[in-house]
């Protein structure tokens, strides 16, 4: 019984914790070696590939949907539930970034 109560407390803490904010994996997915082999051949003028690299695909629609959820810069929503997105880095790791909407052009543009 104590384990069940602890589990419920943990779930509630995660729901209302600033650390549990809106964290989303992102629209980037590693390609399998088989799928990587189907990519177009590199041209003779292309830079050589590094000895180790990571091949990813991007779901552009998912990225657009994700960015549309970003709260406005310096708003209560940005403080209460910021959008956290994981982006791939060249070294093979993933890093978490906070995303806020910060329009710099007038709405008509």
Protein backbone atom coordinates (compact mmCIF):
# COMPACT_ATOMS: atom_id res chain seq x y z
CA UNK A 1 0.00 0.00 0.00
CA UNK A 2 2.86 2.35 0.81
CA UNK A 3 4.40 1.80 -2.64
CA UNK A 4 1.15 2.72 -4.36
CA UNK A 5 0.88 5.95 -2.33
CA UNK A 6 4.50 6.80 -3.10
CA UNK A 7 3.87 6.20 -6.79
CA UNK A 8 0.89 8.54 -6.75
CA UNK A 9 2.93 11.22 -4.97
CA UNK A 10 5.71 10.82 -7.52
CA UNK A 11 3.27 11.17 -10.40
CA UNK A 12 1.71 14.29 -8.87
CA UNK A 13 5.13 15.79 -8.22
CA UNK A 14 6.10 15.16 -11.83
CA UNK A 15 2.90 16.76 -13.09
CA UNK A 16 3.35 19.93 -11.10
CA UNK A 17 7.11 20.13 -10.96
CA UNK A 18 8.96 22.74 -13.00
CA UNK A 19 11.30 19.94 -14.02
CA UNK A 20 8.47 18.07 -15.69
CA UNK A 21 7.61 21.00 -17.92
CA UNK A 22 6.66 20.27 -21.49
CA UNK A 23 9.57 18.17 -22.69
CA UNK A 24 9.26 16.80 -26.18
CA UNK A 25 11.68 14.50 -27.92
CA UNK A 26 11.51 16.36 -31.16
CA UNK A 27 11.02 15.61 -34.80
CA UNK A 28 14.53 14.19 -35.32
CA UNK A 29 14.98 10.45 -35.73
CA UNK A 30 18.10 8.40 -36.37
CA UNK A 31 18.16 6.65 -39.72
CA UNK A 32 18.93 2.97 -39.77
CA UNK A 33 22.12 1.93 -41.58
CA UNK A 34 19.93 0.44 -44.33
CA UNK A 35 18.05 3.74 -44.80
CA UNK A 36 21.32 5.70 -44.73
CA UNK A 37 22.56 3.56 -47.60
CA UNK A 38 19.64 4.75 -49.73
CA UNK A 39 20.71 8.40 -49.56
CA UNK A 40 22.00 9.93 -52.81
CA UNK A 41 25.68 9.41 -53.54
CA UNK A 42 27.97 12.27 -52.63
CA UNK A 43 29.50 14.24 -55.46
CA UNK A 44 33.21 14.54 -56.08
CA UNK A 45 33.17 18.18 -54.92
CA UNK A 46 31.41 17.45 -51.63
CA UNK A 47 33.43 17.67 -48.44
CA UNK A 48 34.51 14.26 -47.13
CA UNK A 49 32.43 12.73 -44.37
CA UNK A 50 33.95 12.58 -40.89
CA UNK A 51 35.10 9.21 -39.57
CA UNK A 52 32.09 9.12 -37.19
CA UNK A 53 28.76 10.78 -37.86
CA UNK A 54 25.05 10.43 -37.23
CA UNK A 55 22.43 10.38 -39.97
CA UNK A 56 19.06 11.84 -39.00
CA UNK A 57 15.78 12.53 -40.67
CA UNK A 58 13.60 15.51 -39.87
CA UNK A 59 9.82 15.44 -39.83
CA UNK A 60 9.28 19.03 -40.95
CA UNK A 61 5.55 18.99 -40.23
CA UNK A 62 6.20 17.77 -36.69
CA UNK A 63 8.79 20.52 -36.21
CA UNK A 64 6.34 23.18 -37.41
CA UNK A 65 3.61 21.80 -35.09
CA UNK A 66 6.06 21.71 -32.21
CA UNK A 67 7.24 25.29 -32.72
CA UNK A 68 3.63 26.48 -32.99
CA UNK A 69 3.18 25.34 -29.35
CA UNK A 70 5.92 27.63 -28.06
CA UNK A 71 4.68 30.08 -25.44
CA UNK A 72 5.30 33.79 -25.88
CA UNK A 73 8.58 35.24 -24.69
CA UNK A 74 8.50 36.63 -21.14
CA UNK A 75 4.93 35.45 -20.50
CA UNK A 76 3.47 33.60 -17.54
CA UNK A 77 2.96 30.60 -19.83
CA UNK A 78 6.67 30.58 -20.66
CA UNK A 79 7.48 30.48 -16.95
CA UNK A 80 4.79 27.99 -15.95
CA UNK A 81 5.09 25.51 -18.82
CA UNK A 82 7.98 26.25 -21.17
CA UNK A 83 8.42 24.20 -24.28
CA UNK A 84 11.57 22.08 -24.04
CA UNK A 85 12.83 20.50 -27.23
CA UNK A 86 15.64 18.00 -27.67
CA UNK A 87 17.99 18.81 -30.56
CA UNK A 88 20.70 16.52 -31.92
CA UNK A 89 24.31 17.68 -31.67
CA UNK A 90 27.18 16.80 -34.01
CA UNK A 91 28.93 14.77 -31.31
CA UNK A 92 26.00 12.32 -31.25
CA UNK A 93 24.46 13.63 -28.06
CA UNK A 94 21.09 15.32 -27.68
CA UNK A 95 20.66 18.60 -25.83
CA UNK A 96 17.56 20.15 -24.34
CA UNK A 97 16.58 23.68 -25.41
CA UNK A 98 13.88 25.99 -24.11
CA UNK A 99 11.81 27.46 -26.96
CA UNK A 100 9.78 30.66 -26.73
CA UNK A 101 7.94 32.58 -29.42
CA UNK A 102 9.51 35.96 -30.02
CA UNK A 103 7.97 37.62 -33.06
CA UNK A 104 10.07 40.45 -34.42
CA UNK A 105 7.87 41.44 -37.37
CA UNK A 106 4.41 42.93 -37.27
CA UNK A 107 1.60 40.39 -37.54
CA UNK A 108 0.65 41.63 -41.02
CA UNK A 109 4.07 40.69 -42.36
